[in-house]
Structure formats: structure tokens, C-alpha cells
Amino acid sequence: MSDENKIRDVVDAVTGVAKAIPVYQDVVQPAAQEVGKALQTVAKTVHVALAPVSALVWGYDQIRNFVSTKVAERLRDIPAENITTPKPNVAGPALESLRYTGHESALSDMYANLLASAMNKETANGAHPAFVEIIKQLTPDEAKLVSLFSYPRALPLLSVRWEYREPQDGKSGGNEILVNYSHLGRVVGCEFPEMTPTYIDNLCRLGLTEVPTFMEYTGLGVYGPLEEDDEIKALQVQYEKDPDRKIVLDRKALRVTELGKQFAKNLRGLKNNFSTYCWSSNVLKLRLSFARLITQLPPSLLQPLHTHGLGRAQLLREEAHAQFFQ
């Protein structure tokens, strides 16, 4: 049997699962037959409001096309004998979820990578059924942040709070201003980078990451770009106008859990040798050489790069310090 026929047979088997999933039509029992004339106007209004959503819900043909193109593309370099029918508890929920997230490329790509991983004998054991449920609870921006988990790197965070300089009139302590502030959202091109702290909370809730209480990077300069950030500087100026208050910066770190590492490994895409994807020695040597160069640049020189959308240089500087100066 040729490679092409082998892939076609597996595609047919996978999409057969999708065909077994009922696709409900809007015409079934329209608003419970609009019981009561008073509900007719409301039902019609709701129908109009939901019309754009129903247009985004994928049917069997769209799912089959997705498997035949995106998933097949990821299996192109896999030997035919290594391609197998995925486990139903992975493929079934993944295909069902595509009905509602297929239009979001960041999420549909995750499903494509997960299905391809589940269909490769060498990686199928790592395609955990829980991964489908995790993807279902991610936003497209959070999917972009997951791309940072594919290999070791520094993921510095900064929390900012104000405190009273000295206890006065029975008052002491202070209050948080920013929690888990970072440049990670801007680096990966999040649509709403200001939501990154919330995204981090969700990634921690899902068990992909954690923010250990006493963990911080010891490398020189890792937190420099964050502490020199214009927003942080503005807060310091604002709050320290009050002679009774001071700003305290808490250095933190985002740690990727073992579940998070496995999740990223299975969803970052497949090559002929999955275990060496993005890890060839030549690529890694070039990356580390560039990282060493970036560590020599002060934050003031990196700021113009960040302003022009080259925030990745800033991230490289942060992770390079973590790798070479710990």
C-alpha cells in the first residue's frame, strides 16, 4: 500500500468519528416552536443575534477537509508504517471541539498537532486525552503563550505593590498594583497583551504552569527590561509622590510544569523525528550564540527594537541571562 493510500485510509477512519457526531441544525424546533405569541419577537431577535455564530460552527465536510489538509500536512514526512488510527478518546473530542473552534487558527492548529501526534506510533502515547479539554479552555492568545513552553527559557514576572514607609496612625502594609506583569504577551504577539496576567492565571489553573512563591531568576539582567519598563517607572513616580509610600518590586518566575512541557511537546508540530524538532545542534548553537550577543546589549538599546515589534530580542536577552549567568 502506498504512503498516500495509507494516509487516506487513516483520514477516512478519523473523519468517520466526526460523521458519527450529530450536527444539530438551527431549523430543529425553532425556539421550541415559539410557544406563545409574546415570545416570537424575542425568538427572532435571538436567532438574528446567533446567526453569525451558527455560520462559524463547522460541519462534517469542513472537519474532513481540515483533517485531509492540516493534519495530513503534519504527517507528510512520517513513514506510512508509523501512521495509525488515533485513540477515539483523543480524536473524538478533538473533532467535536473543532466544530466550535475551527475558525480560530491558533486553536485549530493545536488540534491539528494533537491529532497528528496521536496518529504517529512514536508519539501517540504522549497525546493525553486531557489535552483536548485543556485546548477547549484556552483563548487564541493563551495558545500563543504556550508556544513559549517548547524548550527551556527564562519567563520572568514582576509584581508591583505600594507600602507605607513607616507604620503610621495604626496603618501599615500596602496594596498590590500589578500582579505577574511581563512582556510575554507582547513578545508572542497577543491580540490583548494587557490581559497576559489573566492568561497566566488560567494557564496555572489548567496545571500547565505555576508561579512558585520563592522562585526568581538569579541571572544578571533577567529582570532589567521589566524593571526599566515605562509603565513600571510611571507607577514609581506616581506613588512615590506621597512621601509616606514606596514602591516594592517582587521578582517572580513562571515555571512550566511537567504537564505543560508534555502539552507543548505534543502541540508544537511534528517533523520526521519528533524528538529532535527545533533542537538540531546547529540551530541550537546559532540560537545560543545570538543569545550571548543579546546579553551584551543594555535595556536602553533593546527598547527601540521592542518599539518596532522586535520584542523577541528582549526575550532572548532575558532567557540568555537565565541560561548563562545562573
C-alpha atoms as a PDB file:
ATOM      1  CA  MET A   1       0.000   0.000   0.000  1.00  0.00           C
ATOM      2  CA  SER A   2       1.397   3.423  -0.935  1.00  0.00           C
ATOM      3  CA  ASP A   3       2.004   6.189   1.617  1.00  0.00           C
ATOM      4  CA  GLU A   4      -0.757   8.252   0.044  1.00  0.00           C
ATOM      5  CA  ASN A   5      -3.282   5.418   0.338  1.00  0.00           C
ATOM      6  CA  LYS A   6      -2.231   4.774   3.924  1.00  0.00           C
ATOM      7  CA  ILE A   7      -2.817   8.398   4.889  1.00  0.00           C
ATOM      8  CA  ARG A   8      -6.136   8.434   3.011  1.00  0.00           C
ATOM      9  CA  ASP A   9      -7.332   5.357   4.902  1.00  0.00           C
ATOM     10  CA  VAL A  10      -6.448   6.918   8.259  1.00  0.00           C
ATOM     11  CA  VAL A  11      -8.119  10.200   7.270  1.00  0.00           C
ATOM     12  CA  ASP A  12     -11.276   8.259   6.396  1.00  0.00           C
ATOM     13  CA  ALA A  13     -11.159   6.469   9.747  1.00  0.00           C
ATOM     14  CA  VAL A  14     -10.666   9.674  11.705  1.00  0.00           C
ATOM     15  CA  THR A  15     -13.332  11.663   9.902  1.00  0.00           C
ATOM     16  CA  GLY A  16     -15.674   8.708  10.334  1.00  0.00           C
ATOM     17  CA  VAL A  17     -15.670   9.598  14.011  1.00  0.00           C
ATOM     18  CA  ALA A  18     -16.721  13.125  13.107  1.00  0.00           C
ATOM     19  CA  LYS A  19     -19.548  11.787  10.934  1.00  0.00           C
ATOM     20  CA  ALA A  20     -20.877   9.864  13.910  1.00  0.00           C
ATOM     21  CA  ILE A  21     -21.137  13.090  15.905  1.00  0.00           C
ATOM     22  CA  PRO A  22     -24.571  14.654  15.372  1.00  0.00           C
ATOM     23  CA  VAL A  23     -24.510  18.133  13.859  1.00  0.00           C
ATOM     24  CA  TYR A  24     -27.611  19.877  15.071  1.00  0.00           C
ATOM     25  CA  GLN A  25     -29.407  22.193  12.671  1.00  0.00           C
ATOM     26  CA  ASP A  26     -30.859  25.561  13.572  1.00  0.00           C
ATOM     27  CA  VAL A  27     -34.154  24.529  11.937  1.00  0.00           C
ATOM     28  CA  VAL A  28     -34.825  21.831  14.556  1.00  0.00           C
ATOM     29  CA  GLN A  29     -37.600  23.005  16.827  1.00  0.00           C
ATOM     30  CA  PRO A  30     -37.137  26.766  16.161  1.00  0.00           C
ATOM     31  CA  ALA A  31     -37.281  28.299  19.623  1.00  0.00           C
ATOM     32  CA  ALA A  32     -39.453  25.391  20.813  1.00  0.00           C
ATOM     33  CA  GLN A  33     -41.909  26.328  18.032  1.00  0.00           C
ATOM     34  CA  GLU A  34     -42.047  29.790  19.560  1.00  0.00           C
ATOM     35  CA  VAL A  35     -44.603  28.812  22.152  1.00  0.00           C
ATOM     36  CA  GLY A  36     -46.704  31.848  22.901  1.00  0.00           C
ATOM     37  CA  LYS A  37     -47.001  34.809  20.596  1.00  0.00           C
ATOM     38  CA  ALA A  38     -45.254  37.038  23.109  1.00  0.00           C
ATOM     39  CA  LEU A  39     -42.050  35.045  22.586  1.00  0.00           C
ATOM     40  CA  GLN A  40     -41.987  35.369  18.797  1.00  0.00           C
ATOM     41  CA  THR A  41     -40.187  38.699  18.716  1.00  0.00           C
ATOM     42  CA  VAL A  42     -37.632  37.560  21.293  1.00  0.00           C
ATOM     43  CA  ALA A  43     -37.034  34.294  19.456  1.00  0.00           C
ATOM     44  CA  LYS A  44     -36.469  36.104  16.160  1.00  0.00           C
ATOM     45  CA  THR A  45     -34.099  38.581  17.812  1.00  0.00           C
ATOM     46  CA  VAL A  46     -32.097  35.771  19.392  1.00  0.00           C
ATOM     47  CA  HIS A  47     -31.991  33.936  16.061  1.00  0.00           C
ATOM     48  CA  VAL A  48     -30.612  37.025  14.322  1.00  0.00           C
ATOM     49  CA  ALA A  49     -28.018  37.521  17.082  1.00  0.00           C
ATOM     50  CA  LEU A  50     -26.881  33.889  16.844  1.00  0.00           C
ATOM     51  CA  ALA A  51     -26.805  33.731  13.045  1.00  0.00           C
ATOM     52  CA  PRO A  52     -23.130  34.811  12.793  1.00  0.00           C
ATOM     53  CA  VAL A  53     -22.211  32.184  15.401  1.00  0.00           C
ATOM     54  CA  SER A  54     -24.030  29.384  13.568  1.00  0.00           C
ATOM     55  CA  ALA A  55     -22.089  30.306  10.441  1.00  0.00           C
ATOM     56  CA  LEU A  56     -18.850  29.616  12.344  1.00  0.00           C
ATOM     57  CA  VAL A  57     -19.917  26.156  13.524  1.00  0.00           C
ATOM     58  CA  TRP A  58     -18.202  23.561  11.389  1.00  0.00           C
ATOM     59  CA  GLY A  59     -19.980  20.619   9.815  1.00  0.00           C
ATOM     60  CA  TYR A  60     -18.685  17.230   8.721  1.00  0.00           C
ATOM     61  CA  ASP A  61     -17.351  18.451   5.354  1.00  0.00           C
ATOM     62  CA  GLN A  62     -15.283  21.210   6.954  1.00  0.00           C
ATOM     63  CA  ILE A  63     -13.856  18.816   9.539  1.00  0.00           C
ATOM     64  CA  ARG A  64     -12.982  16.266   6.863  1.00  0.00           C
ATOM     65  CA  ASN A  65     -11.256  18.966   4.818  1.00  0.00           C
ATOM     66  CA  PHE A  66      -9.342  20.046   7.929  1.00  0.00           C
ATOM     67  CA  VAL A  67      -8.087  16.500   8.560  1.00  0.00           C
ATOM     68  CA  SER A  68      -7.255  15.987   4.879  1.00  0.00           C
ATOM     69  CA  THR A  69      -5.168  19.151   4.718  1.00  0.00           C
ATOM     70  CA  LYS A  70      -3.819  20.425   8.043  1.00  0.00           C
ATOM     71  CA  VAL A  71      -3.428  17.060   9.769  1.00  0.00           C
ATOM     72  CA  ALA A  72      -2.177  15.286   6.656  1.00  0.00           C
ATOM     73  CA  GLU A  73       0.384  18.065   6.120  1.00  0.00           C
ATOM     74  CA  ARG A  74       1.814  17.435   9.575  1.00  0.00           C
ATOM     75  CA  LEU A  75       2.138  13.727   8.792  1.00  0.00           C
ATOM     76  CA  ARG A  76       3.719  14.245   5.388  1.00  0.00           C
ATOM     77  CA  ASP A  77       7.226  13.236   6.467  1.00  0.00           C
ATOM     78  CA  ILE A  78       6.144  10.379   8.749  1.00  0.00           C
ATOM     79  CA  PRO A  79       6.750   6.881   7.317  1.00  0.00           C
ATOM     80  CA  ALA A  80       3.486   5.221   6.300  1.00  0.00           C
ATOM     81  CA  GLU A  81       4.086   2.300   8.631  1.00  0.00           C
ATOM     82  CA  ASN A  82       4.163   4.715  11.590  1.00  0.00           C
ATOM     83  CA  ILE A  83       0.760   6.238  10.834  1.00  0.00           C
ATOM     84  CA  THR A  84      -2.050   4.709  12.848  1.00  0.00           C
ATOM     85  CA  THR A  85      -5.673   5.355  13.714  1.00  0.00           C
ATOM     86  CA  PRO A  86      -5.774   7.600  16.809  1.00  0.00           C
ATOM     87  CA  LYS A  87      -7.486   6.602  20.021  1.00  0.00           C
ATOM     88  CA  PRO A  88     -11.184   7.576  19.988  1.00  0.00           C
ATOM     89  CA  ASN A  89     -10.900   9.288  23.384  1.00  0.00           C
ATOM     90  CA  VAL A  90      -8.480  11.744  21.767  1.00  0.00           C
ATOM     91  CA  ALA A  91      -9.765  12.010  18.185  1.00  0.00           C
ATOM     92  CA  GLY A  92     -13.481  12.078  19.005  1.00  0.00           C
ATOM     93  CA  PRO A  93     -13.434  15.003  21.474  1.00  0.00           C
ATOM     94  CA  ALA A  94     -10.872  16.847  19.326  1.00  0.00           C
ATOM     95  CA  LEU A  95     -13.022  16.635  16.195  1.00  0.00           C
ATOM     96  CA  GLU A  96     -16.143  17.591  18.131  1.00  0.00           C
ATOM     97  CA  SER A  97     -14.339  20.640  19.559  1.00  0.00           C
ATOM     98  CA  LEU A  98     -13.311  21.714  16.059  1.00  0.00           C
ATOM     99  CA  ARG A  99     -16.956  22.408  15.317  1.00  0.00           C
ATOM    100  CA  TYR A 100     -16.743  25.444  17.572  1.00  0.00           C
ATOM    101  CA  THR A 101     -13.081  26.488  17.349  1.00  0.00           C
ATOM    102  CA  GLY A 102     -12.137  25.616  13.763  1.00  0.00           C
ATOM    103  CA  HIS A 103     -12.364  29.275  12.743  1.00  0.00           C
ATOM    104  CA  GLU A 104      -9.673  30.217  15.311  1.00  0.00           C
ATOM    105  CA  SER A 105      -6.409  29.323  13.583  1.00  0.00           C
ATOM    106  CA  ALA A 106      -4.303  29.348  16.785  1.00  0.00           C
ATOM    107  CA  LEU A 107      -6.597  26.751  18.381  1.00  0.00           C
ATOM    108  CA  SER A 108      -7.307  24.679  15.272  1.00  0.00           C
ATOM    109  CA  ASP A 109      -3.549  24.386  14.739  1.00  0.00           C
ATOM    110  CA  MET A 110      -3.298  22.928  18.239  1.00  0.00           C
ATOM    111  CA  TYR A 111      -5.929  20.333  17.407  1.00  0.00           C
ATOM    112  CA  ALA A 112      -4.138  19.527  14.147  1.00  0.00           C
ATOM    113  CA  ASN A 113      -0.868  18.974  16.002  1.00  0.00           C
ATOM    114  CA  LEU A 114      -2.564  16.886  18.688  1.00  0.00           C
ATOM    115  CA  LEU A 115      -4.309  14.682  16.101  1.00  0.00           C
ATOM    116  CA  ALA A 116      -1.084  14.276  14.143  1.00  0.00           C
ATOM    117  CA  SER A 117       0.762  13.334  17.323  1.00  0.00           C
ATOM    118  CA  ALA A 118      -1.971  10.810  18.180  1.00  0.00           C
ATOM    119  CA  MET A 119      -1.676   9.298  14.686  1.00  0.00           C
ATOM    120  CA  ASN A 120       2.102   8.774  14.884  1.00  0.00           C
ATOM    121  CA  LYS A 121       3.082   5.497  16.595  1.00  0.00           C
ATOM    122  CA  GLU A 122       6.219   7.124  18.003  1.00  0.00           C
ATOM    123  CA  THR A 123       4.340   9.925  19.754  1.00  0.00           C
ATOM    124  CA  ALA A 124       0.813   8.558  20.271  1.00  0.00           C
ATOM    125  CA  ASN A 125       1.459   7.615  23.912  1.00  0.00           C
ATOM    126  CA  GLY A 126       2.115  11.278  24.727  1.00  0.00           C
ATOM    127  CA  ALA A 127      -1.181  12.506  23.240  1.00  0.00           C
ATOM    128  CA  HIS A 128      -3.111  12.619  26.505  1.00  0.00           C
ATOM    129  CA  PRO A 129      -6.939  12.768  26.316  1.00  0.00           C
ATOM    130  CA  ALA A 130      -6.885  15.659  28.809  1.00  0.00           C
ATOM    131  CA  PHE A 131      -5.138  17.830  26.233  1.00  0.00           C
ATOM    132  CA  VAL A 132      -8.407  18.243  24.318  1.00  0.00           C
ATOM    133  CA  GLU A 133     -10.121  19.632  27.400  1.00  0.00           C
ATOM    134  CA  ILE A 134      -7.190  21.978  28.003  1.00  0.00           C
ATOM    135  CA  ILE A 135      -7.322  23.385  24.463  1.00  0.00           C
ATOM    136  CA  LYS A 136     -11.071  23.925  24.843  1.00  0.00           C
ATOM    137  CA  GLN A 137     -10.351  26.235  27.773  1.00  0.00           C
ATOM    138  CA  LEU A 138      -7.687  28.332  26.042  1.00  0.00           C
ATOM    139  CA  THR A 139      -8.053  31.606  24.188  1.00  0.00           C
ATOM    140  CA  PRO A 140      -6.089  32.172  20.964  1.00  0.00           C
ATOM    141  CA  ASP A 141      -3.754  34.481  22.910  1.00  0.00           C
ATOM    142  CA  GLU A 142      -3.113  31.795  25.521  1.00  0.00           C
ATOM    143  CA  ALA A 143      -2.333  29.336  22.734  1.00  0.00           C
ATOM    144  CA  LYS A 144       0.385  31.729  21.604  1.00  0.00           C
ATOM    145  CA  LEU A 145       1.838  31.840  25.106  1.00  0.00           C
ATOM    146  CA  VAL A 146       2.027  28.032  25.142  1.00  0.00           C
ATOM    147  CA  SER A 147       4.485  28.283  22.253  1.00  0.00           C
ATOM    148  CA  LEU A 148       7.000  29.616  24.815  1.00  0.00           C
ATOM    149  CA  PHE A 149       6.965  26.298  26.673  1.00  0.00           C
ATOM    150  CA  SER A 150       8.633  24.223  23.952  1.00  0.00           C
ATOM    151  CA  TYR A 151      12.152  24.495  25.368  1.00  0.00           C
ATOM    152  CA  PRO A 152      13.859  25.887  28.485  1.00  0.00           C
ATOM    153  CA  ARG A 153      13.872  29.667  28.721  1.00  0.00           C
ATOM    154  CA  ALA A 154      13.501  32.419  31.278  1.00  0.00           C
ATOM    155  CA  LEU A 155       9.908  33.518  31.880  1.00  0.00           C
ATOM    156  CA  PRO A 156      10.328  36.436  34.310  1.00  0.00           C
ATOM    157  CA  LEU A 157       7.373  38.088  36.026  1.00  0.00           C
ATOM    158  CA  LEU A 158       7.143  41.185  38.157  1.00  0.00           C
ATOM    159  CA  SER A 159       4.563  42.079  40.782  1.00  0.00           C
ATOM    160  CA  VAL A 160       4.295  45.666  41.986  1.00  0.00           C
ATOM    161  CA  ARG A 161       2.847  46.907  45.251  1.00  0.00           C
ATOM    162  CA  TRP A 162       2.976  50.047  47.331  1.00  0.00           C
ATOM    163  CA  GLU A 163       3.772  50.029  51.035  1.00  0.00           C
ATOM    164  CA  TYR A 164       3.883  52.587  53.816  1.00  0.00           C
ATOM    165  CA  ARG A 165       7.445  53.596  54.511  1.00  0.00           C
ATOM    166  CA  GLU A 166       6.721  53.612  58.244  1.00  0.00           C
ATOM    167  CA  PRO A 167       3.652  52.467  60.206  1.00  0.00           C
ATOM    168  CA  GLN A 168       1.504  55.498  60.977  1.00  0.00           C
ATOM    169  CA  ASP A 169      -1.779  56.054  62.781  1.00  0.00           C
ATOM    170  CA  GLY A 170      -2.222  52.323  63.124  1.00  0.00           C
ATOM    171  CA  LYS A 171      -1.794  51.788  59.378  1.00  0.00           C
ATOM    172  CA  SER A 172       0.874  49.586  57.870  1.00  0.00           C
ATOM    173  CA  GLY A 173       1.407  47.264  54.931  1.00  0.00           C
ATOM    174  CA  GLY A 174       0.192  48.257  51.488  1.00  0.00           C
ATOM    175  CA  ASN A 175      -1.617  47.001  48.422  1.00  0.00           C
ATOM    176  CA  GLU A 176      -0.888  45.281  45.117  1.00  0.00           C
ATOM    177  CA  ILE A 177      -0.902  47.370  41.932  1.00  0.00           C
ATOM    178  CA  LEU A 178       0.245  44.870  39.310  1.00  0.00           C
ATOM    179  CA  VAL A 179       0.418  41.083  39.629  1.00  0.00           C
ATOM    180  CA  ASN A 180       2.504  38.865  37.350  1.00  0.00           C
ATOM    181  CA  TYR A 181       3.368  41.669  34.944  1.00  0.00           C
ATOM    182  CA  SER A 182       5.510  40.561  31.999  1.00  0.00           C
ATOM    183  CA  HIS A 183       6.450  41.187  28.370  1.00  0.00           C
ATOM    184  CA  LEU A 184       5.497  37.662  27.323  1.00  0.00           C
ATOM    185  CA  GLY A 185       2.198  38.683  25.725  1.00  0.00           C
ATOM    186  CA  ARG A 186       3.862  41.314  23.574  1.00  0.00           C
ATOM    187  CA  VAL A 187       6.693  39.000  22.613  1.00  0.00           C
ATOM    188  CA  VAL A 188       4.385  36.327  21.167  1.00  0.00           C
ATOM    189  CA  GLY A 189       2.077  38.888  19.553  1.00  0.00           C
ATOM    190  CA  CYS A 190      -1.018  38.534  21.721  1.00  0.00           C
ATOM    191  CA  GLU A 191      -4.022  40.459  20.458  1.00  0.00           C
ATOM    192  CA  PHE A 192      -4.654  41.696  24.002  1.00  0.00           C
ATOM    193  CA  PRO A 193      -1.231  41.788  25.719  1.00  0.00           C
ATOM    194  CA  GLU A 194      -2.680  43.706  28.670  1.00  0.00           C
ATOM    195  CA  MET A 195      -4.586  40.506  29.528  1.00  0.00           C
ATOM    196  CA  THR A 196      -1.374  38.499  29.996  1.00  0.00           C
ATOM    197  CA  PRO A 197      -1.654  38.347  33.831  1.00  0.00           C
ATOM    198  CA  THR A 198      -5.146  36.858  33.442  1.00  0.00           C
ATOM    199  CA  TYR A 199      -3.855  34.426  30.825  1.00  0.00           C
ATOM    200  CA  ILE A 200      -1.127  33.340  33.245  1.00  0.00           C
ATOM    201  CA  ASP A 201      -3.762  32.726  35.936  1.00  0.00           C
ATOM    202  CA  ASN A 202      -5.668  30.480  33.534  1.00  0.00           C
ATOM    203  CA  LEU A 203      -2.552  28.571  32.462  1.00  0.00           C
ATOM    204  CA  CYS A 204      -1.812  27.953  36.141  1.00  0.00           C
ATOM    205  CA  ARG A 205      -5.407  26.866  36.764  1.00  0.00           C
ATOM    206  CA  LEU A 206      -5.095  24.332  33.952  1.00  0.00           C
ATOM    207  CA  GLY A 207      -1.922  22.937  35.505  1.00  0.00           C
ATOM    208  CA  LEU A 208       0.379  23.944  32.644  1.00  0.00           C
ATOM    209  CA  THR A 209       2.340  26.486  34.676  1.00  0.00           C
ATOM    210  CA  GLU A 210       2.832  27.699  38.214  1.00  0.00           C
ATOM    211  CA  VAL A 211       4.276  30.747  39.953  1.00  0.00           C
ATOM    212  CA  PRO A 212       6.277  29.385  42.907  1.00  0.00           C
ATOM    213  CA  THR A 213       6.263  31.707  45.903  1.00  0.00           C
ATOM    214  CA  PHE A 214      10.019  31.909  46.418  1.00  0.00           C
ATOM    215  CA  MET A 215      11.297  31.347  42.885  1.00  0.00           C
ATOM    216  CA  GLU A 216      13.188  34.028  40.979  1.00  0.00           C
ATOM    217  CA  TYR A 217      15.997  34.035  38.411  1.00  0.00           C
ATOM    218  CA  THR A 218      19.453  34.885  39.724  1.00  0.00           C
ATOM    219  CA  GLY A 219      20.961  35.761  36.356  1.00  0.00           C
ATOM    220  CA  LEU A 220      22.228  39.310  35.937  1.00  0.00           C
ATOM    221  CA  GLY A 221      19.857  41.478  33.958  1.00  0.00           C
ATOM    222  CA  VAL A 222      16.991  38.982  33.639  1.00  0.00           C
ATOM    223  CA  TYR A 223      14.557  41.425  35.215  1.00  0.00           C
ATOM    224  CA  GLY A 224      16.160  44.556  33.753  1.00  0.00           C
ATOM    225  CA  PRO A 225      13.717  45.000  30.836  1.00  0.00           C
ATOM    226  CA  LEU A 226      10.759  44.650  33.202  1.00  0.00           C
ATOM    227  CA  GLU A 227      12.067  46.944  35.909  1.00  0.00           C
ATOM    228  CA  GLU A 228      13.035  49.574  33.313  1.00  0.00           C
ATOM    229  CA  ASP A 229       9.629  49.340  31.633  1.00  0.00           C
ATOM    230  CA  ASP A 230       7.953  52.722  31.117  1.00  0.00           C
ATOM    231  CA  GLU A 231       4.768  51.556  32.849  1.00  0.00           C
ATOM    232  CA  ILE A 232       6.692  50.448  35.934  1.00  0.00           C
ATOM    233  CA  LYS A 233       8.659  53.696  36.017  1.00  0.00           C
ATOM    234  CA  ALA A 234       5.429  55.698  35.748  1.00  0.00           C
ATOM    235  CA  LEU A 235       3.942  53.843  38.720  1.00  0.00           C
ATOM    236  CA  GLN A 236       7.045  54.539  40.782  1.00  0.00           C
ATOM    237  CA  VAL A 237       6.802  58.259  40.023  1.00  0.00           C
ATOM    238  CA  GLN A 238       3.057  58.320  40.719  1.00  0.00           C
ATOM    239  CA  TYR A 239       3.095  56.582  44.093  1.00  0.00           C
ATOM    240  CA  GLU A 240       6.342  57.980  45.425  1.00  0.00           C
ATOM    241  CA  LYS A 241       4.989  61.499  45.163  1.00  0.00           C
ATOM    242  CA  ASP A 242       3.457  60.606  48.509  1.00  0.00           C
ATOM    243  CA  PRO A 243       6.373  60.777  50.985  1.00  0.00           C
ATOM    244  CA  ASP A 244       4.674  58.145  53.155  1.00  0.00           C
ATOM    245  CA  ARG A 245       4.611  55.497  50.426  1.00  0.00           C
ATOM    246  CA  LYS A 246       7.164  53.490  48.489  1.00  0.00           C
ATOM    247  CA  ILE A 247       7.018  51.063  45.576  1.00  0.00           C
ATOM    248  CA  VAL A 248       8.173  47.461  46.077  1.00  0.00           C
ATOM    249  CA  LEU A 249       9.025  45.244  43.106  1.00  0.00           C
ATOM    250  CA  ASP A 250       8.655  41.498  43.644  1.00  0.00           C
ATOM    251  CA  ARG A 251      10.625  39.372  41.211  1.00  0.00           C
ATOM    252  CA  LYS A 252       8.883  36.161  40.250  1.00  0.00           C
ATOM    253  CA  ALA A 253       9.131  33.414  37.644  1.00  0.00           C
ATOM    254  CA  LEU A 254       6.668  31.411  35.600  1.00  0.00           C
ATOM    255  CA  ARG A 255       7.547  27.726  35.833  1.00  0.00           C
ATOM    256  CA  VAL A 256       6.288  25.258  33.240  1.00  0.00           C
ATOM    257  CA  THR A 257       5.021  22.067  34.880  1.00  0.00           C
ATOM    258  CA  GLU A 258       5.731  18.577  33.567  1.00  0.00           C
ATOM    259  CA  LEU A 259       2.175  18.507  32.209  1.00  0.00           C
ATOM    260  CA  GLY A 260       2.828  21.836  30.496  1.00  0.00           C
ATOM    261  CA  LYS A 261       6.025  20.536  28.911  1.00  0.00           C
ATOM    262  CA  GLN A 262       4.280  17.433  27.584  1.00  0.00           C
ATOM    263  CA  PHE A 263       1.377  19.540  26.345  1.00  0.00           C
ATOM    264  CA  ALA A 264       3.707  21.898  24.464  1.00  0.00           C
ATOM    265  CA  LYS A 265       5.738  18.989  23.104  1.00  0.00           C
ATOM    266  CA  ASN A 266       2.669  17.346  21.577  1.00  0.00           C
ATOM    267  CA  LEU A 267       1.191  20.546  20.224  1.00  0.00           C
ATOM    268  CA  ARG A 268       4.203  22.292  18.730  1.00  0.00           C
ATOM    269  CA  GLY A 269       4.066  20.313  15.475  1.00  0.00           C
ATOM    270  CA  LEU A 270       5.640  17.197  14.015  1.00  0.00           C
ATOM    271  CA  LYS A 271       8.702  16.527  11.942  1.00  0.00           C
ATOM    272  CA  ASN A 272      10.160  13.244  10.773  1.00  0.00           C
ATOM    273  CA  ASN A 273      11.955  12.864  14.076  1.00  0.00           C
ATOM    274  CA  PHE A 274       9.632  14.446  16.619  1.00  0.00           C
ATOM    275  CA  SER A 275      12.083  14.283  19.489  1.00  0.00           C
ATOM    276  CA  THR A 276      14.577  16.496  17.700  1.00  0.00           C
ATOM    277  CA  TYR A 277      12.117  19.052  16.385  1.00  0.00           C
ATOM    278  CA  CYS A 278      13.575  22.556  16.798  1.00  0.00           C
ATOM    279  CA  TRP A 279      16.535  21.016  18.610  1.00  0.00           C
ATOM    280  CA  SER A 280      19.101  20.268  15.920  1.00  0.00           C
ATOM    281  CA  SER A 281      22.562  21.044  17.228  1.00  0.00           C
ATOM    282  CA  ASN A 282      23.303  23.622  14.543  1.00  0.00           C
ATOM    283  CA  VAL A 283      20.116  25.572  15.207  1.00  0.00           C
ATOM    284  CA  LEU A 284      20.680  25.462  18.943  1.00  0.00           C
ATOM    285  CA  LYS A 285      24.301  26.626  18.607  1.00  0.00           C
ATOM    286  CA  LEU A 286      23.236  29.561  16.439  1.00  0.00           C
ATOM    287  CA  ARG A 287      20.492  30.455  18.894  1.00  0.00           C
ATOM    288  CA  LEU A 288      22.808  30.379  21.894  1.00  0.00           C
ATOM    289  CA  SER A 289      25.459  32.400  20.046  1.00  0.00           C
ATOM    290  CA  PHE A 290      22.878  35.046  19.274  1.00  0.00           C
ATOM    291  CA  ALA A 291      21.661  34.924  22.871  1.00  0.00           C
ATOM    292  CA  ARG A 292      25.197  35.625  24.120  1.00  0.00           C
ATOM    293  CA  LEU A 293      25.329  38.652  21.831  1.00  0.00           C
ATOM    294  CA  ILE A 294      21.974  39.930  23.081  1.00  0.00           C
ATOM    295  CA  THR A 295      23.145  39.720  26.709  1.00  0.00           C
ATOM    296  CA  GLN A 296      25.718  42.402  25.961  1.00  0.00           C
ATOM    297  CA  LEU A 297      23.036  44.925  24.995  1.00  0.00           C
ATOM    298  CA  PRO A 298      21.656  47.229  27.710  1.00  0.00           C
ATOM    299  CA  PRO A 299      17.871  47.673  28.025  1.00  0.00           C
ATOM    300  CA  SER A 300      18.140  51.199  26.549  1.00  0.00           C
ATOM    301  CA  LEU A 301      19.350  49.773  23.228  1.00  0.00           C
ATOM    302  CA  LEU A 302      16.770  46.998  23.228  1.00  0.00           C
ATOM    303  CA  GLN A 303      13.854  49.411  23.710  1.00  0.00           C
ATOM    304  CA  PRO A 304      13.863  50.649  20.062  1.00  0.00           C
ATOM    305  CA  LEU A 305      13.740  47.010  18.910  1.00  0.00           C
ATOM    306  CA  HIS A 306      10.789  46.360  21.188  1.00  0.00           C
ATOM    307  CA  THR A 307       9.028  49.532  19.994  1.00  0.00           C
ATOM    308  CA  HIS A 308       9.272  48.329  16.398  1.00  0.00           C
ATOM    309  CA  GLY A 309       7.762  44.938  17.180  1.00  0.00           C
ATOM    310  CA  LEU A 310      11.024  43.082  17.718  1.00  0.00           C
ATOM    311  CA  GLY A 311      10.294  42.169  21.306  1.00  0.00           C
ATOM    312  CA  ARG A 312      11.711  38.687  20.733  1.00  0.00           C
ATOM    313  CA  ALA A 313      15.198  40.173  21.072  1.00  0.00           C
ATOM    314  CA  GLN A 314      14.244  41.262  24.550  1.00  0.00           C
ATOM    315  CA  LEU A 315      13.027  37.796  25.436  1.00  0.00           C
ATOM    316  CA  LEU A 316      16.223  36.277  24.091  1.00  0.00           C
ATOM    317  CA  ARG A 317      18.211  38.593  26.307  1.00  0.00           C
ATOM    318  CA  GLU A 318      16.173  37.568  29.347  1.00  0.00           C
ATOM    319  CA  GLU A 319      16.441  33.846  28.692  1.00  0.00           C
ATOM    320  CA  ALA A 320      20.126  34.107  27.757  1.00  0.00           C
ATOM    321  CA  HIS A 321      20.908  35.627  31.136  1.00  0.00           C
ATOM    322  CA  ALA A 322      18.965  32.843  32.816  1.00  0.00           C
ATOM    323  CA  GLN A 323      20.919  30.180  30.896  1.00  0.00           C
ATOM    324  CA  PHE A 324      24.427  31.616  31.142  1.00  0.00           C
ATOM    325  CA  PHE A 325      24.534  33.515  34.421  1.00  0.00           C
ATOM    326  CA  GLN A 326      22.604  31.352  36.887  1.00  0.00           C
END
